[in-house]
């Protein structure tokens, strides 16, 4: 039995019933968050809640529970589901609308817990491939439920054996479909800071790098700078740090995981193990 939270109570997945007139379904009007557990605790929950709240504010949606209530619910769901490692999805939509367009202040809010499935360890050792796509997300600073372009290009991604798609627009490399990305050039770590969703893992990596005297710069990254980087890696809550060794079937330098990426992966792993 998979336990979840819906309509102000903990229930089971089969009991969730969302109106067909929910504008999250009819219009894609909603926000969400994804976090994972570490040592049976929600990893970086404070940061995830803050971003979720900011995303809800962007769409003028009200979260129907307080952060204190949310923490209690998450803790209980983790215990009741009993997974060794969990993925936690929090979803908030505009709710049922009588004219199928206007939010009426009756938001739909639910939390799903599922068994986390980690990426194969080989990816972290050998690196992964990505492809690029000319696209910029709507309201990029908010984690909205509109992932149409990512899903539309899923087959192309799979055809190219790519882990992710990096969005580019006006000669700028922006972010990946479900990740942020970093370049490394001359041992300097560089990441984008405009027209993107600022990931919780991204922010942690920046803090860990600075704490350990690794140079970090947040600025625009051109497509040429992306392809000519010494190293590239992705960050995401369900991926941690993933080295990228190929973009659009072109190798990054020698096509091997770089030393700065390896160092940051180790720093991240040490932090997570002690969390």
Protein backbone atom coordinates (compact mmCIF):
# COMPACT_ATOMS: atom_id res chain seq x y z
CA UNK A 1 0.00 0.00 0.00
CA UNK A 2 1.44 3.37 -1.05
CA UNK A 3 0.60 6.13 1.42
CA UNK A 4 0.22 9.75 0.33
CA UNK A 5 -1.36 13.02 1.47
CA UNK A 6 -4.51 14.48 -0.11
CA UNK A 7 -7.37 16.69 1.05
CA UNK A 8 -5.77 17.44 4.41
CA UNK A 9 -5.21 13.82 5.39
CA UNK A 10 -2.88 10.90 4.93
CA UNK A 11 -4.52 8.31 2.73
CA UNK A 12 -3.59 5.75 0.08
CA UNK A 13 -2.81 6.42 -3.55
CA UNK A 14 -5.97 4.71 -4.80
CA UNK A 15 -8.14 7.13 -2.79
CA UNK A 16 -6.94 10.29 -4.56
CA UNK A 17 -9.69 11.80 -6.73
CA UNK A 18 -8.94 15.00 -8.65
CA UNK A 19 -11.74 16.85 -10.44
CA UNK A 20 -11.59 16.73 -14.24
CA UNK A 21 -12.24 20.49 -14.02
CA UNK A 22 -9.08 21.08 -12.04
CA UNK A 23 -7.19 23.76 -13.97
CA UNK A 24 -3.99 21.93 -13.19
CA UNK A 25 -5.29 19.33 -15.64
CA UNK A 26 -7.24 21.56 -18.03
CA UNK A 27 -4.71 24.39 -18.24
CA UNK A 28 -1.50 23.09 -16.67
CA UNK A 29 -1.82 25.68 -13.89
CA UNK A 30 0.24 24.35 -11.05
CA UNK A 31 3.61 24.07 -9.34
CA UNK A 32 5.50 21.19 -7.78
CA UNK A 33 8.63 20.12 -5.97
CA UNK A 34 10.74 16.97 -5.87
CA UNK A 35 13.11 16.04 -3.07
CA UNK A 36 14.70 12.83 -1.88
CA UNK A 37 15.54 11.33 1.48
CA UNK A 38 18.99 10.92 2.95
CA UNK A 39 19.40 8.71 6.01
CA UNK A 40 15.59 8.43 6.20
CA UNK A 41 15.21 12.23 6.37
CA UNK A 42 13.99 14.65 3.71
CA UNK A 43 17.18 16.15 2.29
CA UNK A 44 17.38 19.96 2.45
CA UNK A 45 13.67 20.31 3.23
CA UNK A 46 13.88 23.95 4.30
CA UNK A 47 15.35 24.97 0.95
CA UNK A 48 12.83 22.89 -0.99
CA UNK A 49 9.91 24.41 0.92
CA UNK A 50 11.18 27.95 0.29
CA UNK A 51 11.40 27.33 -3.45
CA UNK A 52 7.99 25.64 -3.50
CA UNK A 53 6.50 28.62 -1.69
CA UNK A 54 8.15 31.05 -4.12
CA UNK A 55 6.77 29.07 -7.07
CA UNK A 56 3.27 29.08 -5.53
CA UNK A 57 3.51 32.85 -5.00
CA UNK A 58 4.42 33.30 -8.67
CA UNK A 59 1.07 31.74 -9.66
CA UNK A 60 -0.82 33.39 -6.77
CA UNK A 61 -1.58 29.99 -5.25
CA UNK A 62 -2.02 29.37 -1.53
CA UNK A 63 -0.39 26.34 0.09
CA UNK A 64 -3.08 24.95 2.43
CA UNK A 65 -0.75 23.78 5.20
CA UNK A 66 2.03 25.40 7.20
CA UNK A 67 5.65 24.37 6.99
CA UNK A 68 5.44 22.81 10.45
CA UNK A 69 2.46 20.69 9.36
CA UNK A 70 4.26 19.80 6.14
CA UNK A 71 7.31 18.55 8.04
CA UNK A 72 5.14 16.32 10.24
CA UNK A 73 3.29 14.88 7.23
CA UNK A 74 6.52 14.16 5.34
CA UNK A 75 8.05 12.45 8.36
CA UNK A 76 4.98 10.25 8.83
CA UNK A 77 4.78 9.36 5.13
CA UNK A 78 8.44 8.33 5.06
CA UNK A 79 7.86 5.99 8.00
CA UNK A 80 4.53 4.58 6.74
CA UNK A 81 5.86 3.81 3.25
CA UNK A 82 9.05 2.28 4.59
CA UNK A 83 11.25 2.72 1.54
CA UNK A 84 14.99 2.61 2.11
CA UNK A 85 15.23 5.78 0.03
CA UNK A 86 12.22 7.86 -1.02
CA UNK A 87 11.38 10.40 -3.69
CA UNK A 88 8.90 12.98 -2.40
CA UNK A 89 6.68 14.86 -4.85
CA UNK A 90 4.67 17.85 -3.66
CA UNK A 91 2.03 19.20 -6.06
CA UNK A 92 -0.18 22.29 -5.89
CA UNK A 93 -2.65 23.23 -8.65
CA UNK A 94 -5.23 25.97 -9.13
CA UNK A 95 -7.98 23.48 -8.23
CA UNK A 96 -11.48 23.07 -9.60
CA UNK A 97 -12.73 26.04 -11.62
CA UNK A 98 -16.39 26.62 -12.55
CA UNK A 99 -15.44 28.30 -15.85
CA UNK A 100 -12.47 25.99 -16.43
CA UNK A 101 -10.17 29.01 -16.43
CA UNK A 102 -10.28 31.19 -13.32
CA UNK A 103 -8.67 30.02 -10.05
CA UNK A 104 -11.29 30.16 -7.29
CA UNK A 105 -9.14 29.71 -4.21
CA UNK A 106 -9.78 25.99 -3.77
CA UNK A 107 -6.32 24.70 -4.61
CA UNK A 108 -5.58 21.00 -4.98
CA UNK A 109 -2.64 19.95 -2.83
CA UNK A 110 -1.11 16.51 -2.48
CA UNK A 111 2.13 14.73 -1.63
CA UNK A 112 3.32 11.50 -3.24
CA UNK A 113 6.02 9.20 -1.88
CA UNK A 114 7.68 6.58 -4.04
CA UNK A 115 10.69 4.34 -3.90
CA UNK A 116 13.70 6.28 -5.18
CA UNK A 117 15.49 4.75 -8.17
CA UNK A 118 19.10 5.88 -8.37
CA UNK A 119 21.00 6.28 -11.62
CA UNK A 120 23.41 3.45 -12.46
CA UNK A 121 26.77 3.94 -10.72
CA UNK A 122 28.47 3.60 -14.10
CA UNK A 123 27.10 7.01 -15.08
CA UNK A 124 28.87 8.65 -12.15
CA UNK A 125 32.13 6.86 -12.99
CA UNK A 126 32.15 7.19 -16.77
CA UNK A 127 29.94 10.26 -17.30
CA UNK A 128 26.75 10.79 -19.29
CA UNK A 129 25.66 12.40 -22.55
CA UNK A 130 23.20 15.25 -23.13
CA UNK A 131 21.66 16.92 -26.16
CA UNK A 132 20.64 20.55 -26.65
CA UNK A 133 17.32 22.12 -27.63
CA UNK A 134 16.50 25.70 -28.64
CA UNK A 135 13.95 26.56 -25.96
CA UNK A 136 13.43 28.62 -22.80
CA UNK A 137 10.89 27.59 -20.16
CA UNK A 138 7.87 29.71 -19.32
CA UNK A 139 8.38 31.46 -15.95
CA UNK A 140 11.81 29.80 -15.64
CA UNK A 141 12.37 30.95 -12.04
CA UNK A 142 9.31 28.94 -10.87
CA UNK A 143 8.93 25.17 -10.78
CA UNK A 144 5.71 24.96 -12.77
CA UNK A 145 4.11 21.74 -14.03
CA UNK A 146 4.51 22.60 -17.73
CA UNK A 147 7.12 20.14 -19.04
CA UNK A 148 5.64 19.85 -22.51
CA UNK A 149 8.87 20.37 -24.46
CA UNK A 150 10.85 18.01 -22.27
CA UNK A 151 8.26 15.26 -22.75
CA UNK A 152 7.80 16.01 -26.45
CA UNK A 153 11.54 15.46 -27.02
CA UNK A 154 11.84 12.41 -24.77
CA UNK A 155 12.11 10.02 -27.74
CA UNK A 156 14.88 12.10 -29.30
CA UNK A 157 16.74 12.07 -25.99
CA UNK A 158 16.42 8.29 -25.74
CA UNK A 159 17.45 7.85 -29.38
CA UNK A 160 20.68 9.71 -28.61
CA UNK A 161 21.22 7.77 -25.37
CA UNK A 162 21.19 11.12 -23.56
CA UNK A 163 20.49 11.59 -19.88
CA UNK A 164 19.18 15.15 -20.21
CA UNK A 165 18.40 18.00 -22.60
CA UNK A 166 20.11 21.35 -22.11
CA UNK A 167 17.97 24.29 -23.20
CA UNK A 168 19.60 27.05 -25.23
CA UNK A 169 18.19 30.37 -26.43
CA UNK A 170 19.71 33.40 -28.17
CA UNK A 171 23.17 31.81 -28.06
CA UNK A 172 22.88 31.25 -24.29
CA UNK A 173 22.97 27.88 -22.56
CA UNK A 174 20.36 28.03 -19.79
CA UNK A 175 19.46 24.87 -17.86
CA UNK A 176 18.57 21.24 -18.40
CA UNK A 177 15.08 19.72 -18.43
CA UNK A 178 15.26 18.56 -14.80
CA UNK A 179 18.69 19.80 -13.77
CA UNK A 180 21.03 22.76 -13.59
CA UNK A 181 24.43 22.55 -15.24
CA UNK A 182 27.94 23.79 -14.49
CA UNK A 183 30.97 24.39 -16.70
CA UNK A 184 34.53 24.09 -15.50
CA UNK A 185 37.23 26.12 -17.26
CA UNK A 186 40.81 26.28 -15.96
CA UNK A 187 39.54 24.78 -12.68
CA UNK A 188 37.03 27.65 -12.29
CA UNK A 189 33.44 26.52 -11.78
CA UNK A 190 30.86 28.50 -13.76
CA UNK A 191 27.07 28.27 -13.74
CA UNK A 192 24.16 30.25 -15.15
CA UNK A 193 22.08 32.57 -12.97
CA UNK A 194 19.47 34.17 -15.27
CA UNK A 195 16.29 32.81 -16.85
CA UNK A 196 16.61 29.51 -14.95
CA UNK A 197 15.22 27.62 -11.99
CA UNK A 198 17.76 27.86 -9.18
CA UNK A 199 18.04 24.31 -8.00
CA UNK A 200 18.44 23.33 -4.36
CA UNK A 201 21.32 21.01 -5.27
CA UNK A 202 22.87 23.73 -7.44
CA UNK A 203 22.89 26.14 -4.50
CA UNK A 204 24.43 23.52 -2.20
CA UNK A 205 27.21 22.75 -4.70
CA UNK A 206 28.04 26.46 -4.93
CA UNK A 207 28.28 26.67 -1.12
CA UNK A 208 30.45 23.54 -0.90
CA UNK A 209 32.76 24.80 -3.64
CA UNK A 210 33.24 28.20 -2.03
CA UNK A 211 33.79 26.65 1.41
CA UNK A 212 36.57 24.53 -0.08
CA UNK A 213 38.29 27.38 -1.93
CA UNK A 214 37.05 26.38 -5.38
CA UNK A 215 36.39 29.43 -7.56
CA UNK A 216 32.71 29.82 -8.54
CA UNK A 217 31.22 32.35 -10.93
CA UNK A 218 27.54 32.80 -11.80
CA UNK A 219 27.10 34.37 -15.22
CA UNK A 220 25.73 33.88 -18.71
CA UNK A 221 27.23 30.92 -20.56
CA UNK A 222 27.29 30.95 -24.36
CA UNK A 223 26.75 27.82 -26.42
CA UNK A 224 30.42 27.93 -27.50
CA UNK A 225 31.50 28.12 -23.86
CA UNK A 226 29.35 25.10 -23.10
CA UNK A 227 30.95 23.00 -25.85
CA UNK A 228 34.48 24.22 -25.13
CA UNK A 229 34.43 23.70 -21.38
CA UNK A 230 37.09 21.58 -19.71
CA UNK A 231 34.36 19.81 -17.73
CA UNK A 232 30.57 19.88 -17.54
CA UNK A 233 28.31 18.45 -14.86
CA UNK A 234 24.62 18.45 -13.91
CA UNK A 235 23.06 18.92 -10.49
CA UNK A 236 19.59 17.82 -9.38
CA UNK A 237 17.84 16.58 -6.26
CA UNK A 238 17.31 13.11 -7.72
CA UNK A 239 20.73 12.94 -9.42
CA UNK A 240 23.13 14.79 -7.08
CA UNK A 241 26.16 15.62 -9.29
CA UNK A 242 26.37 13.90 -12.67
CA UNK A 243 29.46 14.34 -14.88
CA UNK A 244 28.73 15.07 -18.54
CA UNK A 245 31.32 13.91 -21.08
CA UNK A 246 29.41 14.39 -24.36
CA UNK A 247 27.03 17.02 -25.76
CA UNK A 248 25.21 16.50 -29.07
CA UNK A 249 27.53 13.54 -29.73
CA UNK A 250 30.63 15.74 -29.30
CA UNK A 251 33.10 14.88 -26.55
CA UNK A 252 33.92 17.38 -23.83
CA UNK A 253 37.73 17.53 -23.92
CA UNK A 254 38.98 13.92 -23.65
CA UNK A 255 35.53 12.52 -22.88
CA UNK A 256 36.45 11.59 -19.31
CA UNK A 257 35.22 12.78 -15.92
CA UNK A 258 37.29 15.79 -14.85
CA UNK A 259 39.18 16.26 -11.59
CA UNK A 260 37.15 19.29 -10.40
CA UNK A 261 33.92 17.39 -10.97
CA UNK A 262 35.30 14.42 -9.04
CA UNK A 263 36.32 16.68 -6.17
CA UNK A 264 32.86 18.26 -5.96
CA UNK A 265 31.19 14.85 -6.16
CA UNK A 266 33.27 13.74 -3.18
CA UNK A 267 32.46 16.90 -1.20
CA UNK A 268 28.76 16.44 -1.93
CA UNK A 269 28.83 12.77 -0.98
CA UNK A 270 30.54 13.55 2.34
CA UNK A 271 27.96 16.25 3.12
CA UNK A 272 25.02 13.96 2.28
CA UNK A 273 26.37 11.02 4.30
CA UNK A 274 26.59 13.19 7.41
CA UNK A 275 23.20 14.87 6.90
